[in-house]
Amino acid sequence: MKYQYIVNMKTLGEQIKVRRTVLKIRQQELADLAGVSINTVVAIERGTGNPRIETFVSVCDVLGLQIVTKLKD
């Protein structure tokens, strides 16, 4: 079975950065609140990270963002 990325990590990273900026939260503060390293936050925002789902959920929770999925065949 082949897997296909259905999410553009760069777009998600940009959305996370915009939300963080709107909330006036620094990257280090987001990292501390989410329990991740600042390097993880930087990578996610650049779209270069490949975070575990738990990490991604923690970051989104801090920012008040919801993750919505849609599965299709």
N, C-alpha and C. Protein backbone atom coordinates (compact mmCIF):
# COMPACT_ATOMS: atom_id res chain seq x y z
N MET A 1 0.84 -1.17 0.00
CA MET A 1 0.00 0.00 0.00
C MET A 1 0.90 1.24 0.00
N LYS A 2 0.63 2.16 -0.86
CA LYS A 2 1.37 3.41 -0.91
C LYS A 2 0.60 4.47 -0.14
N TYR A 3 1.36 5.32 0.54
CA TYR A 3 0.77 6.42 1.28
C TYR A 3 1.05 7.71 0.53
N GLN A 4 0.14 8.60 0.62
CA GLN A 4 0.28 9.88 -0.07
C GLN A 4 0.06 11.00 0.95
N TYR A 5 0.94 11.99 0.90
CA TYR A 5 0.73 13.14 1.76
C TYR A 5 -0.50 13.88 1.25
N ILE A 6 -1.44 14.09 2.14
CA ILE A 6 -2.63 14.83 1.75
C ILE A 6 -2.64 16.20 2.42
N VAL A 7 -1.55 16.48 3.12
CA VAL A 7 -1.41 17.75 3.81
C VAL A 7 -0.12 18.40 3.36
N ASN A 8 -0.19 19.65 3.05
CA ASN A 8 1.00 20.39 2.68
C ASN A 8 1.58 20.97 3.96
N MET A 9 2.70 20.44 4.42
CA MET A 9 3.29 20.86 5.69
C MET A 9 3.71 22.33 5.67
N LYS A 10 4.10 22.83 4.52
CA LYS A 10 4.49 24.24 4.42
C LYS A 10 3.29 25.14 4.69
N THR A 11 2.14 24.80 4.12
CA THR A 11 0.92 25.58 4.33
C THR A 11 0.50 25.51 5.80
N LEU A 12 0.56 24.34 6.40
CA LEU A 12 0.21 24.20 7.81
C LEU A 12 1.15 25.03 8.68
N GLY A 13 2.43 24.97 8.36
CA GLY A 13 3.41 25.74 9.12
C GLY A 13 3.15 27.23 9.04
N GLU A 14 2.79 27.69 7.86
CA GLU A 14 2.49 29.11 7.68
C GLU A 14 1.27 29.50 8.52
N GLN A 15 0.26 28.65 8.55
CA GLN A 15 -0.95 28.93 9.33
C GLN A 15 -0.64 28.97 10.82
N ILE A 16 0.21 28.07 11.26
CA ILE A 16 0.61 28.04 12.67
C ILE A 16 1.37 29.31 13.02
N LYS A 17 2.27 29.74 12.14
CA LYS A 17 3.04 30.96 12.40
C LYS A 17 2.13 32.19 12.45
N VAL A 18 1.17 32.27 11.54
CA VAL A 18 0.23 33.40 11.53
C VAL A 18 -0.55 33.43 12.84
N ARG A 19 -1.06 32.28 13.26
CA ARG A 19 -1.85 32.22 14.49
C ARG A 19 -0.99 32.61 15.70
N ARG A 20 0.24 32.11 15.74
CA ARG A 20 1.15 32.45 16.84
C ARG A 20 1.40 33.95 16.88
N THR A 21 1.60 34.54 15.71
CA THR A 21 1.86 35.98 15.62
C THR A 21 0.65 36.79 16.07
N VAL A 22 -0.53 36.37 15.64
CA VAL A 22 -1.76 37.06 16.04
C VAL A 22 -1.91 37.03 17.56
N LEU A 23 -1.57 35.91 18.16
CA LEU A 23 -1.68 35.77 19.61
C LEU A 23 -0.50 36.40 20.36
N LYS A 24 0.47 36.91 19.60
CA LYS A 24 1.67 37.56 20.17
C LYS A 24 2.43 36.62 21.09
N ILE A 25 2.61 35.39 20.61
CA ILE A 25 3.37 34.39 21.34
C ILE A 25 4.69 34.19 20.61
N ARG A 26 5.78 34.27 21.34
CA ARG A 26 7.10 34.00 20.72
C ARG A 26 7.28 32.50 20.51
N GLN A 27 8.19 32.16 19.62
CA GLN A 27 8.43 30.75 19.33
C GLN A 27 8.85 29.99 20.59
N GLN A 28 9.72 30.60 21.40
CA GLN A 28 10.18 29.92 22.62
C GLN A 28 9.02 29.69 23.59
N GLU A 29 8.14 30.67 23.69
CA GLU A 29 6.98 30.54 24.57
C GLU A 29 6.05 29.41 24.08
N LEU A 30 5.83 29.36 22.78
CA LEU A 30 5.01 28.28 22.22
C LEU A 30 5.64 26.93 22.50
N ALA A 31 6.95 26.85 22.31
CA ALA A 31 7.66 25.59 22.57
C ALA A 31 7.49 25.17 24.03
N ASP A 32 7.67 26.12 24.94
CA ASP A 32 7.53 25.81 26.37
C ASP A 32 6.12 25.35 26.70
N LEU A 33 5.12 26.06 26.20
CA LEU A 33 3.72 25.72 26.49
C LEU A 33 3.31 24.38 25.89
N ALA A 34 3.86 24.06 24.73
CA ALA A 34 3.51 22.81 24.05
C ALA A 34 4.38 21.64 24.51
N GLY A 35 5.44 21.93 25.26
CA GLY A 35 6.32 20.87 25.74
C GLY A 35 7.21 20.30 24.66
N VAL A 36 7.62 21.16 23.73
CA VAL A 36 8.51 20.73 22.64
C VAL A 36 9.70 21.68 22.59
N SER A 37 10.69 21.34 21.79
CA SER A 37 11.85 22.21 21.66
C SER A 37 11.56 23.36 20.70
N ILE A 38 12.32 24.42 20.84
CA ILE A 38 12.16 25.54 19.92
C ILE A 38 12.51 25.11 18.50
N ASN A 39 13.46 24.18 18.36
CA ASN A 39 13.81 23.68 17.03
C ASN A 39 12.63 23.00 16.36
N THR A 40 11.80 22.33 17.15
CA THR A 40 10.60 21.69 16.61
C THR A 40 9.62 22.73 16.10
N VAL A 41 9.42 23.80 16.89
CA VAL A 41 8.50 24.87 16.48
C VAL A 41 9.01 25.52 15.19
N VAL A 42 10.30 25.82 15.14
CA VAL A 42 10.88 26.45 13.95
C VAL A 42 10.69 25.55 12.73
N ALA A 43 10.95 24.26 12.88
CA ALA A 43 10.81 23.33 11.75
C ALA A 43 9.36 23.23 11.29
N ILE A 44 8.43 23.18 12.23
CA ILE A 44 7.01 23.10 11.87
C ILE A 44 6.61 24.35 11.10
N GLU A 45 7.00 25.52 11.60
CA GLU A 45 6.62 26.77 10.94
C GLU A 45 7.23 26.90 9.55
N ARG A 46 8.41 26.34 9.36
CA ARG A 46 9.05 26.38 8.04
C ARG A 46 8.49 25.31 7.09
N GLY A 47 7.75 24.38 7.66
CA GLY A 47 7.21 23.31 6.84
C GLY A 47 8.22 22.22 6.54
N THR A 48 9.33 22.24 7.30
CA THR A 48 10.38 21.25 7.07
C THR A 48 10.34 20.14 8.10
N GLY A 49 9.54 20.32 9.13
CA GLY A 49 9.47 19.32 10.17
C GLY A 49 8.58 18.16 9.79
N ASN A 50 8.78 17.07 10.47
CA ASN A 50 7.94 15.89 10.31
C ASN A 50 7.53 15.46 11.71
N PRO A 51 6.72 16.31 12.37
CA PRO A 51 6.42 16.04 13.78
C PRO A 51 5.50 14.85 13.96
N ARG A 52 5.66 14.22 15.12
CA ARG A 52 4.70 13.17 15.49
C ARG A 52 3.35 13.85 15.67
N ILE A 53 2.30 13.11 15.51
CA ILE A 53 0.96 13.68 15.60
C ILE A 53 0.73 14.28 16.99
N GLU A 54 1.28 13.65 18.02
CA GLU A 54 1.12 14.17 19.38
C GLU A 54 1.76 15.55 19.52
N THR A 55 2.89 15.75 18.88
CA THR A 55 3.58 17.03 18.91
C THR A 55 2.75 18.09 18.20
N PHE A 56 2.27 17.73 17.04
CA PHE A 56 1.46 18.65 16.24
C PHE A 56 0.19 19.04 17.00
N VAL A 57 -0.45 18.08 17.64
CA VAL A 57 -1.66 18.34 18.41
C VAL A 57 -1.36 19.27 19.58
N SER A 58 -0.23 19.06 20.26
CA SER A 58 0.14 19.92 21.38
C SER A 58 0.32 21.37 20.94
N VAL A 59 0.99 21.58 19.82
CA VAL A 59 1.21 22.92 19.30
C VAL A 59 -0.13 23.56 18.93
N CYS A 60 -0.96 22.81 18.24
CA CYS A 60 -2.27 23.33 17.84
C CYS A 60 -3.15 23.64 19.05
N ASP A 61 -3.10 22.80 20.08
CA ASP A 61 -3.89 23.04 21.29
C ASP A 61 -3.50 24.36 21.94
N VAL A 62 -2.22 24.63 22.05
CA VAL A 62 -1.75 25.88 22.65
C VAL A 62 -2.28 27.07 21.87
N LEU A 63 -2.33 26.94 20.56
CA LEU A 63 -2.76 28.04 19.70
C LEU A 63 -4.27 28.11 19.52
N GLY A 64 -4.99 27.15 20.09
CA GLY A 64 -6.45 27.14 19.95
C GLY A 64 -6.90 26.73 18.56
N LEU A 65 -6.09 25.94 17.89
CA LEU A 65 -6.43 25.47 16.54
C LEU A 65 -6.98 24.06 16.61
N GLN A 66 -7.92 23.77 15.74
CA GLN A 66 -8.48 22.42 15.64
C GLN A 66 -7.89 21.72 14.43
N ILE A 67 -7.73 20.43 14.56
CA ILE A 67 -7.28 19.60 13.45
C ILE A 67 -8.50 18.85 12.94
N VAL A 68 -8.82 19.05 11.69
CA VAL A 68 -9.97 18.41 11.07
C VAL A 68 -9.44 17.50 9.96
N THR A 69 -9.91 16.27 9.97
CA THR A 69 -9.47 15.35 8.93
C THR A 69 -10.66 14.90 8.11
N LYS A 70 -10.37 14.57 6.90
CA LYS A 70 -11.39 14.05 6.00
C LYS A 70 -10.76 12.89 5.28
N LEU A 71 -11.35 11.74 5.42
CA LEU A 71 -10.85 10.55 4.76
C LEU A 71 -11.74 10.24 3.58
N LYS A 72 -11.13 9.91 2.47
CA LYS A 72 -11.94 9.49 1.33
C LYS A 72 -11.23 8.35 0.62
N ASP A 73 -12.02 7.59 -0.05
CA ASP A 73 -11.51 6.40 -0.73
C ASP A 73 -11.11 6.74 -2.13
